[in-house]
Amino acid sequence: GSLIRRVPPCTPPDRSRDERGLTALSDRAWNLTMTMFYKAGGQPWKLATARDGVCYVGIVFRQLDATANSGSACCAAQMFLDSGDGVVFRGQDGRWYSPKDKSYHLSETAARDLLSGLLRTYNELGGQPLKEIFLHCHSTIDADEFRGFQSACPKGVKLIGVRVRQERSGVRMFREGKLPVMRGSFWEVDKKTGYLWGTGYK
C-alpha cells in the first residue's frame, strides 16, 4: 500500500518582523501637505544662502557598462535655483570614464553643450541676470572641460569650478565629550582647499 504520513497543521507565518511599520502620522501629514503645496506651484524650501544671479550646478556621472575596462558613461547636471526649484539636465553619453585614473572627464565640446543647455533652461525659467556660475563635481575638472564650460559662459559672468569629494582617510576632527563633530563644521586649509563635515550630529 501507499505510505501515509501525518502532516502537522499549518500555522500562519509570523509577519510582525517582515512588515514595514507605518510612518508616524505627523510625518505622513507633513509629506502630503508639502507635496500638495509644491504641485500647486508653491516653493516650500530654498537654499538659505543662495545669492541673486548665482547659478549652482552639480555635475554627476554614471557608468553605462559596469565591466572593468568600459569607459562609457552618461553625464548629467543638476541646477539649483535661488527660488528653491531644481532642474536636472542630461548631457551626452560618451567615453567619459577612465578605468586607469578612475575618474570622469568630458570633452571640450560635451562640456560646452552641457552648460549651454542648462543656461537655456535657466533663462526659460526666468532666472535673474547671471553674475556667477558654480560647478560642483566629484572628479577634477581638467583644462579641456573648463575651456568648454567657459565657451558656454556668458561674457562677464564669473565661472568657478569646485571639486567635492569624500575624504575617508587622513584628517580627523574630534569634539569634546561623547558626541561627534557637528554636521556643517568647516575647516579652511587655504584659499583653494577646505574640509566640510557632511555627516555627524545635527
N, C-alpha and C. Protein backbone atom coordinates (compact mmCIF):
# COMPACT_ATOMS: atom_id res chain seq x y z
N GLY A 1 0.82 -1.18 0.00
CA GLY A 1 0.00 0.00 0.00
C GLY A 1 0.86 1.24 0.00
N SER A 2 0.23 2.41 -0.14
CA SER A 2 0.96 3.68 -0.14
C SER A 2 1.28 4.11 1.29
N LEU A 3 2.37 4.85 1.42
CA LEU A 3 2.80 5.33 2.74
C LEU A 3 2.02 6.59 3.07
N ILE A 4 1.38 6.61 4.20
CA ILE A 4 0.64 7.80 4.65
C ILE A 4 1.40 8.42 5.80
N ARG A 5 1.73 9.70 5.62
CA ARG A 5 2.47 10.38 6.68
C ARG A 5 1.60 11.51 7.22
N ARG A 6 1.57 11.61 8.53
CA ARG A 6 0.76 12.66 9.15
C ARG A 6 1.51 13.99 9.08
N VAL A 7 0.86 15.01 8.54
CA VAL A 7 1.46 16.34 8.42
C VAL A 7 0.90 17.23 9.51
N PRO A 8 1.77 17.90 10.29
CA PRO A 8 1.25 18.77 11.35
C PRO A 8 0.46 19.94 10.76
N PRO A 9 -0.53 20.44 11.49
CA PRO A 9 -1.32 21.56 10.96
C PRO A 9 -0.44 22.77 10.67
N CYS A 10 -0.79 23.46 9.60
CA CYS A 10 -0.01 24.62 9.16
C CYS A 10 -0.39 25.84 10.00
N THR A 11 0.61 26.56 10.46
CA THR A 11 0.34 27.79 11.22
C THR A 11 0.72 28.98 10.35
N PRO A 12 -0.05 30.04 10.38
CA PRO A 12 0.28 31.21 9.54
C PRO A 12 1.62 31.80 9.95
N PRO A 13 2.41 32.27 8.97
CA PRO A 13 3.73 32.83 9.30
C PRO A 13 3.61 34.09 10.14
N ASP A 14 4.59 34.27 10.98
CA ASP A 14 4.64 35.49 11.80
C ASP A 14 5.21 36.62 10.95
N ARG A 15 4.34 37.56 10.54
CA ARG A 15 4.77 38.63 9.65
C ARG A 15 5.16 39.89 10.42
N SER A 16 5.12 39.81 11.73
CA SER A 16 5.40 41.02 12.51
C SER A 16 6.81 41.52 12.29
N ARG A 17 7.75 40.60 11.96
CA ARG A 17 9.14 41.01 11.77
C ARG A 17 9.40 41.40 10.33
N ASP A 18 8.53 40.93 9.39
CA ASP A 18 8.76 41.21 7.97
C ASP A 18 8.19 42.54 7.54
N GLU A 19 7.01 42.86 8.05
CA GLU A 19 6.29 44.01 7.54
C GLU A 19 6.88 45.31 8.04
N ARG A 20 6.90 46.27 7.14
CA ARG A 20 7.42 47.58 7.47
C ARG A 20 6.38 48.34 8.27
N GLY A 21 6.80 48.96 9.34
CA GLY A 21 5.88 49.73 10.15
C GLY A 21 5.45 51.00 9.43
N LEU A 22 4.31 51.53 9.83
CA LEU A 22 3.81 52.76 9.21
C LEU A 22 4.62 53.96 9.69
N THR A 23 4.78 54.92 8.78
CA THR A 23 5.44 56.16 9.14
C THR A 23 4.55 56.91 10.13
N ALA A 24 5.18 57.64 11.02
CA ALA A 24 4.42 58.40 12.03
C ALA A 24 3.39 59.30 11.34
N LEU A 25 2.23 59.45 11.95
CA LEU A 25 1.14 60.24 11.37
C LEU A 25 1.59 61.68 11.08
N SER A 26 2.38 62.25 11.97
CA SER A 26 2.84 63.63 11.76
C SER A 26 3.71 63.72 10.51
N ASP A 27 4.57 62.70 10.27
CA ASP A 27 5.42 62.70 9.07
C ASP A 27 4.58 62.52 7.82
N ARG A 28 3.57 61.65 7.89
CA ARG A 28 2.70 61.45 6.73
C ARG A 28 1.96 62.74 6.39
N ALA A 29 1.48 63.43 7.41
CA ALA A 29 0.75 64.69 7.18
C ALA A 29 1.68 65.73 6.55
N TRP A 30 2.91 65.80 7.06
CA TRP A 30 3.89 66.75 6.51
C TRP A 30 4.18 66.44 5.05
N ASN A 31 4.45 65.16 4.74
CA ASN A 31 4.78 64.78 3.36
C ASN A 31 3.64 65.08 2.40
N LEU A 32 2.41 64.78 2.82
CA LEU A 32 1.26 65.02 1.95
C LEU A 32 1.03 66.51 1.71
N THR A 33 1.08 67.30 2.79
CA THR A 33 0.82 68.74 2.63
C THR A 33 1.92 69.41 1.81
N MET A 34 3.18 69.02 2.01
CA MET A 34 4.26 69.61 1.23
C MET A 34 4.16 69.22 -0.25
N THR A 35 3.75 67.98 -0.50
CA THR A 35 3.58 67.53 -1.89
C THR A 35 2.48 68.32 -2.57
N MET A 36 1.35 68.50 -1.89
CA MET A 36 0.23 69.26 -2.48
C MET A 36 0.62 70.72 -2.71
N PHE A 37 1.33 71.29 -1.74
CA PHE A 37 1.76 72.68 -1.86
C PHE A 37 2.69 72.86 -3.06
N TYR A 38 3.63 71.92 -3.24
CA TYR A 38 4.59 72.00 -4.36
C TYR A 38 3.87 71.80 -5.70
N LYS A 39 2.96 70.83 -5.76
CA LYS A 39 2.25 70.56 -7.01
C LYS A 39 1.30 71.70 -7.38
N ALA A 40 0.91 72.49 -6.40
CA ALA A 40 0.06 73.65 -6.67
C ALA A 40 0.87 74.86 -7.11
N GLY A 41 2.19 74.69 -7.17
CA GLY A 41 3.03 75.80 -7.65
C GLY A 41 3.81 76.51 -6.57
N GLY A 42 3.66 76.10 -5.31
CA GLY A 42 4.40 76.73 -4.23
C GLY A 42 5.83 76.21 -4.13
N GLN A 43 6.66 76.94 -3.44
CA GLN A 43 8.05 76.53 -3.21
C GLN A 43 8.27 76.41 -1.71
N PRO A 44 8.18 75.20 -1.16
CA PRO A 44 8.27 75.05 0.30
C PRO A 44 9.68 75.17 0.85
N TRP A 45 10.70 75.20 0.00
CA TRP A 45 12.06 75.30 0.50
C TRP A 45 12.94 76.02 -0.51
N LYS A 46 14.04 76.53 -0.06
CA LYS A 46 15.03 77.15 -0.95
C LYS A 46 16.37 77.16 -0.23
N LEU A 47 17.44 77.38 -0.98
CA LEU A 47 18.76 77.47 -0.39
C LEU A 47 18.84 78.74 0.45
N ALA A 48 19.18 78.59 1.71
CA ALA A 48 19.19 79.74 2.62
C ALA A 48 20.26 80.74 2.23
N THR A 49 21.37 80.26 1.68
CA THR A 49 22.49 81.16 1.39
C THR A 49 22.63 81.47 -0.10
N ALA A 50 21.64 81.09 -0.92
CA ALA A 50 21.71 81.37 -2.36
C ALA A 50 21.69 82.88 -2.59
N ARG A 51 22.54 83.33 -3.50
CA ARG A 51 22.61 84.76 -3.82
C ARG A 51 21.96 85.02 -5.17
N ASP A 52 21.40 86.21 -5.33
CA ASP A 52 20.77 86.58 -6.60
C ASP A 52 21.80 86.55 -7.72
N GLY A 53 21.38 85.98 -8.85
CA GLY A 53 22.26 85.98 -10.02
C GLY A 53 23.37 84.95 -9.96
N VAL A 54 23.28 84.01 -9.02
CA VAL A 54 24.30 82.96 -8.91
C VAL A 54 23.63 81.62 -9.22
N CYS A 55 24.22 80.86 -10.13
CA CYS A 55 23.69 79.57 -10.54
C CYS A 55 24.59 78.47 -9.98
N TYR A 56 24.00 77.53 -9.25
CA TYR A 56 24.75 76.42 -8.65
C TYR A 56 24.48 75.15 -9.45
N VAL A 57 25.53 74.53 -9.94
CA VAL A 57 25.38 73.35 -10.80
C VAL A 57 26.20 72.20 -10.24
N GLY A 58 25.55 71.07 -10.04
CA GLY A 58 26.25 69.85 -9.64
C GLY A 58 26.36 68.91 -10.83
N ILE A 59 27.57 68.44 -11.14
CA ILE A 59 27.79 67.57 -12.30
C ILE A 59 28.02 66.15 -11.80
N VAL A 60 27.28 65.21 -12.37
CA VAL A 60 27.39 63.80 -11.95
C VAL A 60 27.59 62.91 -13.17
N PHE A 61 28.22 61.77 -12.94
CA PHE A 61 28.46 60.78 -13.98
C PHE A 61 27.99 59.42 -13.50
N ARG A 62 27.64 58.56 -14.45
CA ARG A 62 27.31 57.18 -14.13
C ARG A 62 27.77 56.30 -15.28
N GLN A 63 28.47 55.23 -14.93
CA GLN A 63 28.92 54.29 -15.95
C GLN A 63 27.73 53.57 -16.57
N LEU A 64 27.77 53.43 -17.89
CA LEU A 64 26.70 52.73 -18.60
C LEU A 64 26.95 51.23 -18.63
N ASP A 65 28.22 50.85 -18.52
CA ASP A 65 28.59 49.44 -18.55
C ASP A 65 29.51 49.19 -17.36
N ALA A 66 29.14 48.26 -16.52
CA ALA A 66 29.88 48.04 -15.26
C ALA A 66 31.14 47.22 -15.44
N THR A 67 31.44 46.75 -16.65
CA THR A 67 32.66 45.95 -16.83
C THR A 67 33.89 46.79 -16.53
N ALA A 68 34.94 46.13 -16.10
CA ALA A 68 36.11 46.81 -15.55
C ALA A 68 36.75 47.81 -16.51
N ASN A 69 36.84 47.48 -17.81
CA ASN A 69 37.56 48.34 -18.75
C ASN A 69 36.65 49.25 -19.58
N SER A 70 35.38 49.28 -19.24
CA SER A 70 34.47 50.11 -20.02
C SER A 70 34.62 51.58 -19.63
N GLY A 71 34.65 52.43 -20.66
CA GLY A 71 34.75 53.86 -20.38
C GLY A 71 33.46 54.59 -20.64
N SER A 72 32.40 53.85 -21.10
CA SER A 72 31.18 54.55 -21.42
C SER A 72 30.42 54.99 -20.19
N ALA A 73 29.97 56.24 -20.25
CA ALA A 73 29.26 56.82 -19.11
C ALA A 73 28.30 57.89 -19.60
N CYS A 74 27.29 58.14 -18.80
CA CYS A 74 26.40 59.27 -19.11
C CYS A 74 26.69 60.38 -18.10
N CYS A 75 26.40 61.57 -18.54
CA CYS A 75 26.67 62.75 -17.70
C CYS A 75 25.36 63.51 -17.50
N ALA A 76 25.20 64.06 -16.34
CA ALA A 76 24.02 64.89 -16.07
C ALA A 76 24.43 66.03 -15.15
N ALA A 77 23.63 67.06 -15.15
CA ALA A 77 23.90 68.22 -14.28
C ALA A 77 22.61 68.61 -13.60
N GLN A 78 22.69 68.93 -12.33
CA GLN A 78 21.54 69.42 -11.58
C GLN A 78 21.79 70.87 -11.22
N MET A 79 20.85 71.70 -11.62
CA MET A 79 20.97 73.13 -11.36
C MET A 79 20.03 73.50 -10.22
N PHE A 80 20.55 74.21 -9.25
CA PHE A 80 19.76 74.65 -8.10
C PHE A 80 19.49 76.15 -8.26
N LEU A 81 18.23 76.51 -8.22
CA LEU A 81 17.84 77.90 -8.41
C LEU A 81 17.58 78.56 -7.06
N ASP A 82 17.76 79.87 -7.01
CA ASP A 82 17.54 80.57 -5.75
C ASP A 82 16.06 80.58 -5.36
N SER A 83 15.17 80.22 -6.30
CA SER A 83 13.74 80.15 -5.99
C SER A 83 13.41 78.93 -5.16
N GLY A 84 14.34 77.96 -5.09
CA GLY A 84 14.09 76.72 -4.38
C GLY A 84 13.85 75.56 -5.31
N ASP A 85 13.68 75.84 -6.60
CA ASP A 85 13.45 74.78 -7.57
C ASP A 85 14.77 74.20 -8.05
N GLY A 86 14.71 73.06 -8.68
CA GLY A 86 15.90 72.42 -9.22
C GLY A 86 15.57 71.79 -10.55
N VAL A 87 16.55 71.72 -11.43
CA VAL A 87 16.37 71.16 -12.76
C VAL A 87 17.49 70.17 -13.02
N VAL A 88 17.13 68.99 -13.55
CA VAL A 88 18.14 68.01 -13.95
C VAL A 88 18.22 68.01 -15.47
N PHE A 89 19.44 68.12 -15.98
CA PHE A 89 19.66 68.19 -17.42
C PHE A 89 20.63 67.08 -17.80
N ARG A 90 20.22 66.20 -18.70
CA ARG A 90 21.08 65.10 -19.12
C ARG A 90 21.96 65.53 -20.28
N GLY A 91 23.25 65.26 -20.15
CA GLY A 91 24.20 65.57 -21.21
C GLY A 91 24.40 64.38 -22.14
N GLN A 92 25.50 64.42 -22.89
CA GLN A 92 25.79 63.37 -23.86
C GLN A 92 26.38 62.14 -23.18
N ASP A 93 26.08 60.97 -23.78
CA ASP A 93 26.78 59.75 -23.39
C ASP A 93 28.09 59.70 -24.15
N GLY A 94 29.09 59.10 -23.55
CA GLY A 94 30.39 59.00 -24.24
C GLY A 94 31.38 58.22 -23.41
N ARG A 95 32.61 58.22 -23.88
CA ARG A 95 33.68 57.52 -23.14
C ARG A 95 34.30 58.51 -22.15
N TRP A 96 33.52 58.83 -21.15
CA TRP A 96 33.95 59.85 -20.17
C TRP A 96 34.72 59.25 -19.01
N TYR A 97 34.65 57.93 -18.83
CA TYR A 97 35.30 57.30 -17.67
C TYR A 97 36.65 56.71 -18.06
N SER A 98 37.66 56.96 -17.22
CA SER A 98 38.98 56.37 -17.42
C SER A 98 39.20 55.30 -16.36
N PRO A 99 39.18 54.00 -16.75
CA PRO A 99 39.43 52.94 -15.77
C PRO A 99 40.81 53.05 -15.13
N LYS A 100 41.77 53.60 -15.88
CA LYS A 100 43.13 53.74 -15.36
C LYS A 100 43.18 54.76 -14.22
N ASP A 101 42.61 55.95 -14.46
CA ASP A 101 42.63 57.01 -13.45
C ASP A 101 41.45 56.94 -12.49
N LYS A 102 40.44 56.12 -12.84
CA LYS A 102 39.21 56.03 -12.06
C LYS A 102 38.57 57.40 -11.87
N SER A 103 38.49 58.14 -12.96
CA SER A 103 37.87 59.46 -12.91
C SER A 103 37.10 59.72 -14.21
N TYR A 104 36.23 60.72 -14.17
CA TYR A 104 35.38 61.07 -15.31
C TYR A 104 35.79 62.43 -15.85
N HIS A 105 35.82 62.56 -17.18
CA HIS A 105 36.11 63.85 -17.81
C HIS A 105 35.35 63.97 -19.12
N LEU A 106 34.71 65.10 -19.33
CA LEU A 106 34.02 65.39 -20.59
C LEU A 106 34.99 65.93 -21.62
N SER A 107 34.62 65.83 -22.89
CA SER A 107 35.38 66.52 -23.93
C SER A 107 35.02 68.01 -23.85
N GLU A 108 35.80 68.83 -24.51
CA GLU A 108 35.53 70.27 -24.51
C GLU A 108 34.15 70.57 -25.09
N THR A 109 33.81 69.88 -26.19
CA THR A 109 32.51 70.10 -26.85
C THR A 109 31.35 69.66 -25.96
N ALA A 110 31.49 68.49 -25.32
CA ALA A 110 30.41 67.98 -24.46
C ALA A 110 30.20 68.89 -23.25
N ALA A 111 31.29 69.43 -22.70
CA ALA A 111 31.19 70.36 -21.57
C ALA A 111 30.46 71.63 -21.98
N ARG A 112 30.82 72.14 -23.17
CA ARG A 112 30.15 73.35 -23.67
C ARG A 112 28.66 73.11 -23.87
N ASP A 113 28.31 71.97 -24.49
CA ASP A 113 26.90 71.68 -24.77
C ASP A 113 26.10 71.48 -23.48
N LEU A 114 26.72 70.86 -22.48
CA LEU A 114 26.03 70.62 -21.21
C LEU A 114 25.67 71.94 -20.53
N LEU A 115 26.65 72.84 -20.41
CA LEU A 115 26.38 74.11 -19.74
C LEU A 115 25.47 75.01 -20.58
N SER A 116 25.61 74.95 -21.91
CA SER A 116 24.73 75.75 -22.78
C SER A 116 23.27 75.35 -22.57
N GLY A 117 23.02 74.03 -22.52
CA GLY A 117 21.65 73.56 -22.31
C GLY A 117 21.09 73.98 -20.96
N LEU A 118 21.92 73.92 -19.95
CA LEU A 118 21.49 74.35 -18.61
C LEU A 118 21.15 75.83 -18.58
N LEU A 119 21.99 76.63 -19.21
CA LEU A 119 21.76 78.08 -19.17
C LEU A 119 20.53 78.49 -19.99
N ARG A 120 20.24 77.74 -21.06
CA ARG A 120 18.99 77.98 -21.80
C ARG A 120 17.79 77.74 -20.89
N THR A 121 17.85 76.64 -20.13
CA THR A 121 16.77 76.32 -19.20
C THR A 121 16.67 77.38 -18.11
N TYR A 122 17.82 77.84 -17.62
CA TYR A 122 17.86 78.89 -16.59
C TYR A 122 17.11 80.13 -17.07
N ASN A 123 17.37 80.52 -18.32
CA ASN A 123 16.70 81.72 -18.87
C ASN A 123 15.22 81.48 -19.10
N GLU A 124 14.86 80.26 -19.54
CA GLU A 124 13.44 79.94 -19.77
C GLU A 124 12.65 79.98 -18.46
N LEU A 125 13.31 79.64 -17.35
CA LEU A 125 12.64 79.65 -16.05
C LEU A 125 12.64 81.03 -15.40
N GLY A 126 13.12 82.01 -16.14
CA GLY A 126 13.10 83.38 -15.63
C GLY A 126 14.18 83.68 -14.62
N GLY A 127 15.34 83.01 -14.78
CA GLY A 127 16.46 83.27 -13.88
C GLY A 127 16.95 84.71 -14.00
N GLN A 128 17.44 85.24 -12.89
CA GLN A 128 17.93 86.61 -12.89
C GLN A 128 19.22 86.73 -13.69
N PRO A 129 19.58 87.93 -14.15
CA PRO A 129 20.84 88.09 -14.89
C PRO A 129 22.00 87.50 -14.11
N LEU A 130 22.78 86.66 -14.78
CA LEU A 130 23.83 85.91 -14.10
C LEU A 130 25.04 86.76 -13.73
N LYS A 131 25.58 86.45 -12.55
CA LYS A 131 26.85 87.06 -12.12
C LYS A 131 27.92 85.98 -11.98
N GLU A 132 27.52 84.83 -11.43
CA GLU A 132 28.47 83.74 -11.20
C GLU A 132 27.83 82.40 -11.47
N ILE A 133 28.67 81.44 -11.89
CA ILE A 133 28.24 80.04 -12.04
C ILE A 133 29.20 79.19 -11.24
N PHE A 134 28.66 78.38 -10.32
CA PHE A 134 29.47 77.45 -9.54
C PHE A 134 29.26 76.04 -10.08
N LEU A 135 30.34 75.38 -10.46
CA LEU A 135 30.28 74.00 -10.92
C LEU A 135 30.85 73.11 -9.82
N HIS A 136 30.05 72.17 -9.33
CA HIS A 136 30.50 71.22 -8.30
C HIS A 136 30.61 69.84 -8.93
N CYS A 137 31.74 69.18 -8.74
CA CYS A 137 31.97 67.89 -9.37
C CYS A 137 32.81 67.01 -8.45
N HIS A 138 32.55 65.68 -8.45
CA HIS A 138 33.37 64.76 -7.66
C HIS A 138 34.73 64.55 -8.29
N SER A 139 34.79 64.57 -9.62
CA SER A 139 36.07 64.46 -10.32
C SER A 139 36.68 65.84 -10.49
N THR A 140 37.97 65.88 -10.74
CA THR A 140 38.59 67.17 -11.05
C THR A 140 38.07 67.64 -12.41
N ILE A 141 38.05 68.93 -12.62
CA ILE A 141 37.66 69.49 -13.92
C ILE A 141 38.96 69.81 -14.64
N ASP A 142 39.24 69.09 -15.74
CA ASP A 142 40.52 69.31 -16.42
C ASP A 142 40.45 70.51 -17.35
N ALA A 143 41.58 70.82 -18.00
CA ALA A 143 41.69 72.04 -18.81
C ALA A 143 40.71 72.04 -19.99
N ASP A 144 40.56 70.89 -20.67
CA ASP A 144 39.63 70.82 -21.81
C ASP A 144 38.20 71.07 -21.36
N GLU A 145 37.80 70.43 -20.26
CA GLU A 145 36.45 70.64 -19.75
C GLU A 145 36.22 72.10 -19.39
N PHE A 146 37.18 72.70 -18.70
CA PHE A 146 37.00 74.07 -18.24
C PHE A 146 36.88 75.03 -19.43
N ARG A 147 37.68 74.77 -20.50
CA ARG A 147 37.56 75.59 -21.70
C ARG A 147 36.16 75.46 -22.31
N GLY A 148 35.63 74.23 -22.31
CA GLY A 148 34.28 74.02 -22.83
C GLY A 148 33.24 74.77 -22.01
N PHE A 149 33.35 74.68 -20.68
CA PHE A 149 32.41 75.40 -19.82
C PHE A 149 32.54 76.91 -20.03
N GLN A 150 33.77 77.38 -20.16
CA GLN A 150 33.99 78.82 -20.35
C GLN A 150 33.39 79.32 -21.65
N SER A 151 33.46 78.49 -22.71
CA SER A 151 32.93 78.92 -24.00
C SER A 151 31.40 79.04 -23.97
N ALA A 152 30.75 78.32 -23.02
CA ALA A 152 29.29 78.43 -22.88
C ALA A 152 28.90 79.54 -21.91
N CYS A 153 29.87 80.01 -21.15
CA CYS A 153 29.61 81.00 -20.11
C CYS A 153 29.40 82.39 -20.74
N PRO A 154 28.31 83.09 -20.40
CA PRO A 154 28.10 84.43 -20.96
C PRO A 154 29.23 85.39 -20.58
N LYS A 155 29.44 86.35 -21.42
CA LYS A 155 30.50 87.33 -21.19
C LYS A 155 30.25 88.10 -19.89
N GLY A 156 31.30 88.24 -19.10
CA GLY A 156 31.20 88.98 -17.84
C GLY A 156 30.72 88.16 -16.66
N VAL A 157 30.40 86.87 -16.89
CA VAL A 157 29.94 86.00 -15.80
C VAL A 157 31.13 85.20 -15.27
N LYS A 158 31.31 85.22 -13.97
CA LYS A 158 32.42 84.51 -13.34
C LYS A 158 32.11 83.02 -13.25
N LEU A 159 33.05 82.17 -13.67
CA LEU A 159 32.87 80.72 -13.63
C LEU A 159 33.83 80.12 -12.60
N ILE A 160 33.28 79.34 -11.67
CA ILE A 160 34.09 78.76 -10.59
C ILE A 160 33.87 77.25 -10.58
N GLY A 161 34.94 76.48 -10.62
CA GLY A 161 34.86 75.03 -10.53
C GLY A 161 35.32 74.55 -9.17
N VAL A 162 34.52 73.72 -8.53
CA VAL A 162 34.83 73.22 -7.19
C VAL A 162 34.79 71.70 -7.22
N ARG A 163 35.86 71.06 -6.74
CA ARG A 163 35.84 69.61 -6.62
C ARG A 163 35.36 69.24 -5.22
N VAL A 164 34.32 68.42 -5.17
CA VAL A 164 33.77 67.97 -3.90
C VAL A 164 33.95 66.46 -3.84
N ARG A 165 34.67 65.97 -2.85
CA ARG A 165 34.86 64.53 -2.74
C ARG A 165 34.91 64.14 -1.27
N GLN A 166 34.56 62.89 -1.02
CA GLN A 166 34.60 62.39 0.35
C GLN A 166 36.04 62.07 0.73
N GLU A 167 36.39 62.39 1.96
CA GLU A 167 37.73 62.10 2.48
C GLU A 167 37.57 61.09 3.60
N ARG A 168 37.88 59.83 3.31
CA ARG A 168 37.67 58.77 4.30
C ARG A 168 38.94 58.43 5.07
N SER A 169 40.03 59.04 4.72
CA SER A 169 41.28 58.77 5.45
C SER A 169 42.02 60.09 5.60
N GLY A 170 42.97 60.12 6.49
CA GLY A 170 43.73 61.36 6.67
C GLY A 170 43.21 62.18 7.82
N VAL A 171 42.69 63.36 7.50
CA VAL A 171 42.28 64.32 8.53
C VAL A 171 41.12 63.79 9.37
N ARG A 172 41.21 63.98 10.65
CA ARG A 172 40.13 63.61 11.57
C ARG A 172 39.87 64.78 12.52
N MET A 173 38.61 64.99 12.83
CA MET A 173 38.26 66.04 13.78
C MET A 173 37.45 65.39 14.91
N PHE A 174 37.75 65.80 16.13
CA PHE A 174 37.04 65.25 17.28
C PHE A 174 36.45 66.40 18.09
N ARG A 175 35.42 66.06 18.83
CA ARG A 175 34.73 67.06 19.64
C ARG A 175 34.82 66.62 21.10
N GLU A 176 34.90 67.57 22.00
CA GLU A 176 34.94 67.22 23.42
C GLU A 176 33.66 66.51 23.82
N GLY A 177 33.77 65.54 24.70
CA GLY A 177 32.61 64.79 25.14
C GLY A 177 32.41 63.54 24.30
N LYS A 178 31.17 63.05 24.25
CA LYS A 178 30.89 61.79 23.55
C LYS A 178 30.24 61.99 22.19
N LEU A 179 29.81 63.19 21.88
CA LEU A 179 29.12 63.43 20.60
C LEU A 179 30.13 63.66 19.47
N PRO A 180 29.77 63.25 18.25
CA PRO A 180 30.66 63.50 17.11
C PRO A 180 30.65 64.97 16.71
N VAL A 181 31.50 65.31 15.78
CA VAL A 181 31.60 66.69 15.30
C VAL A 181 30.25 67.11 14.70
N MET A 182 29.91 68.37 14.85
CA MET A 182 28.62 68.85 14.34
C MET A 182 28.63 68.89 12.82
N ARG A 183 27.54 68.43 12.22
CA ARG A 183 27.40 68.49 10.77
C ARG A 183 27.43 69.94 10.31
N GLY A 184 28.18 70.20 9.24
CA GLY A 184 28.30 71.57 8.74
C GLY A 184 29.56 72.27 9.22
N SER A 185 30.35 71.61 10.09
CA SER A 185 31.62 72.21 10.53
C SER A 185 32.54 72.34 9.32
N PHE A 186 33.23 73.45 9.22
CA PHE A 186 34.11 73.72 8.07
C PHE A 186 35.48 74.16 8.55
N TRP A 187 36.50 73.59 7.92
CA TRP A 187 37.88 73.97 8.22
C TRP A 187 38.53 74.45 6.92
N GLU A 188 38.87 75.72 6.86
CA GLU A 188 39.53 76.29 5.68
C GLU A 188 41.04 76.07 5.81
N VAL A 189 41.59 75.25 4.92
CA VAL A 189 43.03 74.97 4.94
C VAL A 189 43.78 76.11 4.27
N ASP A 190 43.34 76.50 3.07
CA ASP A 190 43.88 77.66 2.37
C ASP A 190 42.78 78.20 1.46
N LYS A 191 43.12 79.11 0.56
CA LYS A 191 42.11 79.76 -0.27
C LYS A 191 41.46 78.81 -1.27
N LYS A 192 42.11 77.66 -1.53
CA LYS A 192 41.57 76.73 -2.51
C LYS A 192 41.17 75.38 -1.93
N THR A 193 41.41 75.15 -0.65
CA THR A 193 41.15 73.84 -0.06
C THR A 193 40.45 73.99 1.29
N GLY A 194 39.48 73.11 1.54
CA GLY A 194 38.80 73.12 2.82
C GLY A 194 38.13 71.79 3.07
N TYR A 195 37.78 71.54 4.31
CA TYR A 195 37.08 70.32 4.71
C TYR A 195 35.72 70.70 5.27
N LEU A 196 34.67 70.06 4.76
CA LEU A 196 33.31 70.28 5.25
C LEU A 196 32.78 68.96 5.77
N TRP A 197 32.35 68.92 7.01
CA TRP A 197 31.82 67.69 7.60
C TRP A 197 30.32 67.60 7.26
N GLY A 198 29.99 66.64 6.39
CA GLY A 198 28.62 66.49 5.92
C GLY A 198 27.81 65.46 6.69
N THR A 199 28.45 64.72 7.60
CA THR A 199 27.73 63.77 8.44
C THR A 199 28.08 64.05 9.88
N GLY A 200 27.32 63.46 10.78
CA GLY A 200 27.59 63.68 12.19
C GLY A 200 26.38 64.18 12.92
N TYR A 201 26.55 64.67 14.12
CA TYR A 201 25.44 65.11 14.97
C TYR A 201 24.86 66.41 14.41
N LYS A 202 23.54 66.48 14.33
CA LYS A 202 22.94 67.73 13.83
C LYS A 202 22.10 68.38 14.91
